[in-house]
Every structure is written in structure tokens, then in C-alpha cells.
């Protein structure tokens, strides 16, 4: 029984990261989708929109990187 419990605990970290990657994935899609739409509506502001879009992308992607690190930080309790 203890061996089966250890196997379940080992796979929970990857399931947790999979769930944690959903939010940044949706966020990146929204950022670029709305950015392209804004550039199509106002082409003269494309430079400003693009720079803000990449800043938002970097911040959103940082959440995914934190999600990768957290199972390693909290998963090793031994």
C-alpha cells in the first residue's frame, strides 16, 4: 500500500503543473489575440501596442515558469 501511495504522490506534481499551465496558456492567447485586434483597429499605434503586448506576454509566461519550479520546491519533502 505504501508503494502505491508514493507513486500517486510522484504524479501529482506533474498533474499540478499541467493545471498550472492552463492559466498562462489562456492568458497568452488573450494577449496576442487582443493585441492583433487592437493593431487592426488602430494601425498607427502598432508600436506601442506591440511593446505592451510583449511586456504582458513576459509577465504571463513568468507564471508558467513559477508553475514549473513549485513542484520541485514543495515536492521534495524527504
N, C-alpha and C. Protein backbone atom coordinates (compact mmCIF):
# COMPACT_ATOMS: atom_id res chain seq x y z
N UNK A 1 0.82 -1.19 0.00
CA UNK A 1 0.00 0.00 0.00
C UNK A 1 0.86 1.26 0.00
N UNK A 2 1.98 1.25 0.72
CA UNK A 2 2.84 2.44 0.80
C UNK A 2 3.50 2.72 -0.55
N UNK A 3 3.83 1.68 -1.31
CA UNK A 3 4.45 1.89 -2.62
C UNK A 3 3.46 2.54 -3.58
N UNK A 4 2.21 2.14 -3.52
CA UNK A 4 1.22 2.76 -4.39
C UNK A 4 0.98 4.22 -4.01
N UNK A 5 1.01 4.52 -2.73
CA UNK A 5 0.83 5.90 -2.29
C UNK A 5 1.97 6.78 -2.79
N UNK A 6 3.19 6.28 -2.78
CA UNK A 6 4.34 7.04 -3.26
C UNK A 6 4.22 7.30 -4.76
N UNK A 7 3.70 6.36 -5.52
CA UNK A 7 3.53 6.57 -6.95
C UNK A 7 2.49 7.65 -7.24
N UNK A 8 1.44 7.68 -6.45
CA UNK A 8 0.42 8.70 -6.63
C UNK A 8 0.98 10.08 -6.30
N UNK A 9 1.74 10.19 -5.25
CA UNK A 9 2.34 11.46 -4.85
C UNK A 9 3.31 11.93 -5.92
N UNK A 10 4.05 11.04 -6.53
CA UNK A 10 5.01 11.42 -7.57
C UNK A 10 4.34 11.99 -8.80
N UNK A 11 3.16 11.52 -9.14
CA UNK A 11 2.50 12.01 -10.34
C UNK A 11 1.64 13.24 -10.07
N UNK A 12 1.41 13.57 -8.82
CA UNK A 12 0.59 14.74 -8.52
C UNK A 12 1.31 16.02 -8.93
N UNK A 13 2.64 16.05 -8.84
CA UNK A 13 3.38 17.25 -9.22
C UNK A 13 3.20 17.55 -10.71
N UNK A 14 3.23 16.53 -11.55
CA UNK A 14 3.05 16.78 -12.98
C UNK A 14 1.61 17.16 -13.29
N UNK A 15 0.67 16.59 -12.57
CA UNK A 15 -0.73 16.99 -12.76
C UNK A 15 -0.92 18.43 -12.31
N UNK A 16 -0.27 18.80 -11.21
CA UNK A 16 -0.35 20.17 -10.72
C UNK A 16 0.23 21.15 -11.71
N UNK A 17 1.35 20.81 -12.33
CA UNK A 17 1.91 21.73 -13.33
C UNK A 17 1.02 21.81 -14.55
N UNK A 18 0.43 20.70 -14.94
CA UNK A 18 -0.49 20.73 -16.08
C UNK A 18 -1.66 21.66 -15.83
N UNK A 19 -2.18 21.63 -14.61
CA UNK A 19 -3.27 22.55 -14.26
C UNK A 19 -2.77 23.98 -14.15
N UNK A 20 -1.54 24.14 -13.66
CA UNK A 20 -0.98 25.49 -13.54
C UNK A 20 -0.66 26.11 -14.90
N UNK A 21 -0.45 25.30 -15.91
CA UNK A 21 -0.12 25.82 -17.24
C UNK A 21 -1.37 26.25 -18.01
N UNK A 22 -2.54 25.91 -17.53
CA UNK A 22 -3.77 26.30 -18.22
C UNK A 22 -3.95 27.82 -18.19
N UNK A 23 -3.75 28.41 -17.02
CA UNK A 23 -3.95 29.86 -16.88
C UNK A 23 -3.04 30.68 -17.77
N UNK A 24 -1.71 30.46 -17.70
CA UNK A 24 -0.84 31.23 -18.61
C UNK A 24 -1.12 30.94 -20.08
N UNK A 25 -1.52 29.73 -20.42
CA UNK A 25 -1.84 29.43 -21.81
C UNK A 25 -3.02 30.24 -22.31
N UNK A 26 -4.04 30.34 -21.49
CA UNK A 26 -5.20 31.16 -21.85
C UNK A 26 -4.80 32.63 -21.89
N UNK A 27 -3.98 33.06 -20.93
CA UNK A 27 -3.55 34.45 -20.88
C UNK A 27 -2.75 34.86 -22.10
N UNK A 28 -1.84 34.02 -22.55
CA UNK A 28 -1.04 34.33 -23.74
C UNK A 28 -1.94 34.42 -24.96
N UNK A 29 -2.89 33.53 -25.07
CA UNK A 29 -3.83 33.59 -26.19
C UNK A 29 -4.64 34.87 -26.20
N UNK A 30 -5.10 35.29 -25.02
CA UNK A 30 -5.86 36.53 -24.93
C UNK A 30 -4.99 37.75 -25.25
N UNK A 31 -3.76 37.74 -24.76
CA UNK A 31 -2.87 38.88 -25.01
C UNK A 31 -2.63 39.08 -26.50
N UNK A 32 -2.24 38.00 -27.19
CA UNK A 32 -1.91 38.15 -28.60
C UNK A 32 -3.16 38.33 -29.46
N UNK A 33 -4.25 37.69 -29.09
CA UNK A 33 -5.49 37.88 -29.85
C UNK A 33 -5.99 39.30 -29.77
N UNK A 34 -6.02 39.85 -28.56
CA UNK A 34 -6.48 41.22 -28.40
C UNK A 34 -5.47 42.22 -28.95
N UNK A 35 -4.18 41.88 -28.89
CA UNK A 35 -3.16 42.76 -29.46
C UNK A 35 -3.29 42.88 -30.97
N UNK A 36 -3.52 41.78 -31.63
CA UNK A 36 -3.70 41.80 -33.09
C UNK A 36 -4.97 42.56 -33.45
N UNK A 37 -6.01 42.35 -32.67
CA UNK A 37 -7.26 43.06 -32.92
C UNK A 37 -7.08 44.58 -32.72
N UNK A 38 -6.33 44.97 -31.69
CA UNK A 38 -6.10 46.39 -31.45
C UNK A 38 -5.25 47.00 -32.55
N UNK A 39 -4.24 46.26 -33.05
CA UNK A 39 -3.41 46.78 -34.15
C UNK A 39 -4.21 46.90 -35.44
N UNK A 40 -5.18 46.00 -35.63
CA UNK A 40 -6.02 46.10 -36.83
C UNK A 40 -6.95 47.31 -36.75
N UNK A 41 -7.41 47.65 -35.56
CA UNK A 41 -8.30 48.79 -35.41
C UNK A 41 -7.56 50.12 -35.43
N UNK A 42 -6.32 50.12 -34.92
CA UNK A 42 -5.55 51.37 -34.83
C UNK A 42 -4.11 51.12 -35.28
N UNK A 43 -3.87 51.05 -36.56
CA UNK A 43 -2.53 50.71 -37.07
C UNK A 43 -1.45 51.72 -36.69
N UNK A 44 -1.82 52.98 -36.47
CA UNK A 44 -0.81 53.98 -36.12
C UNK A 44 -0.24 53.77 -34.72
N UNK A 45 -0.92 53.01 -33.88
CA UNK A 45 -0.44 52.73 -32.52
C UNK A 45 0.16 51.33 -32.42
N UNK A 46 0.53 50.75 -33.54
CA UNK A 46 1.00 49.36 -33.54
C UNK A 46 2.27 49.18 -32.72
N UNK A 47 3.18 50.14 -32.75
CA UNK A 47 4.43 50.02 -31.99
C UNK A 47 4.18 49.98 -30.50
N UNK A 48 3.34 50.88 -30.00
CA UNK A 48 3.01 50.91 -28.58
C UNK A 48 2.25 49.66 -28.16
N UNK A 49 1.31 49.25 -28.98
CA UNK A 49 0.52 48.05 -28.67
C UNK A 49 1.43 46.82 -28.63
N UNK A 50 2.36 46.72 -29.60
CA UNK A 50 3.26 45.58 -29.66
C UNK A 50 4.17 45.53 -28.44
N UNK A 51 4.71 46.67 -28.03
CA UNK A 51 5.60 46.66 -26.86
C UNK A 51 4.83 46.29 -25.60
N UNK A 52 3.63 46.82 -25.43
CA UNK A 52 2.81 46.44 -24.27
C UNK A 52 2.41 44.98 -24.33
N UNK A 53 2.19 44.48 -25.54
CA UNK A 53 1.82 43.08 -25.71
C UNK A 53 2.95 42.16 -25.26
N UNK A 54 4.19 42.50 -25.60
CA UNK A 54 5.32 41.66 -25.21
C UNK A 54 5.62 41.76 -23.72
N UNK A 55 5.38 42.91 -23.12
CA UNK A 55 5.54 43.02 -21.67
C UNK A 55 4.52 42.13 -20.97
N UNK A 56 3.28 42.17 -21.43
CA UNK A 56 2.25 41.30 -20.86
C UNK A 56 2.55 39.83 -21.07
N UNK A 57 3.11 39.51 -22.24
CA UNK A 57 3.49 38.12 -22.51
C UNK A 57 4.57 37.65 -21.54
N UNK A 58 5.57 38.50 -21.30
CA UNK A 58 6.66 38.12 -20.40
C UNK A 58 6.15 37.90 -18.98
N UNK A 59 5.26 38.76 -18.52
CA UNK A 59 4.71 38.60 -17.17
C UNK A 59 3.84 37.36 -17.06
N UNK A 60 3.07 37.09 -18.11
CA UNK A 60 2.22 35.91 -18.09
C UNK A 60 3.05 34.63 -18.16
N UNK A 61 4.10 34.65 -18.95
CA UNK A 61 4.96 33.47 -19.08
C UNK A 61 5.73 33.21 -17.80
N UNK A 62 5.99 34.25 -17.01
CA UNK A 62 6.65 34.07 -15.72
C UNK A 62 5.80 33.20 -14.80
N UNK A 63 4.48 33.29 -14.92
CA UNK A 63 3.61 32.45 -14.11
C UNK A 63 3.79 30.97 -14.46
N UNK A 64 3.97 30.69 -15.74
CA UNK A 64 4.20 29.30 -16.15
C UNK A 64 5.53 28.79 -15.63
N UNK A 65 6.55 29.65 -15.63
CA UNK A 65 7.85 29.23 -15.11
C UNK A 65 7.81 29.00 -13.61
N UNK A 66 7.05 29.83 -12.90
CA UNK A 66 6.87 29.60 -11.47
C UNK A 66 6.14 28.28 -11.25
N UNK A 67 5.18 27.98 -12.12
CA UNK A 67 4.46 26.71 -12.02
C UNK A 67 5.35 25.50 -12.25
N UNK A 68 6.39 25.65 -13.07
CA UNK A 68 7.34 24.55 -13.28
C UNK A 68 8.19 24.34 -12.03
N UNK A 69 8.58 25.42 -11.37
CA UNK A 69 9.50 25.34 -10.24
C UNK A 69 8.81 24.83 -8.97
N UNK A 70 7.58 25.19 -8.75
CA UNK A 70 6.91 24.88 -7.49
C UNK A 70 6.82 23.38 -7.16
N UNK A 71 6.56 22.49 -8.11
CA UNK A 71 6.58 21.06 -7.73
C UNK A 71 7.93 20.60 -7.22
N UNK A 72 9.01 21.19 -7.73
CA UNK A 72 10.34 20.81 -7.25
C UNK A 72 10.61 21.38 -5.86
N UNK A 73 10.08 22.57 -5.59
CA UNK A 73 10.31 23.20 -4.29
C UNK A 73 9.52 22.48 -3.21
N UNK A 74 8.26 22.23 -3.46
CA UNK A 74 7.40 21.63 -2.43
C UNK A 74 7.29 20.11 -2.54
N UNK A 75 7.72 19.54 -3.67
CA UNK A 75 7.56 18.10 -3.86
C UNK A 75 8.59 17.26 -3.15
N UNK A 76 9.73 17.82 -2.79
CA UNK A 76 10.78 17.05 -2.14
C UNK A 76 10.69 17.26 -0.64
N UNK A 77 9.90 16.44 0.01
CA UNK A 77 9.72 16.57 1.46
C UNK A 77 10.59 15.61 2.25
N UNK A 78 11.48 14.89 1.58
CA UNK A 78 12.29 13.89 2.30
C UNK A 78 13.63 14.45 2.68
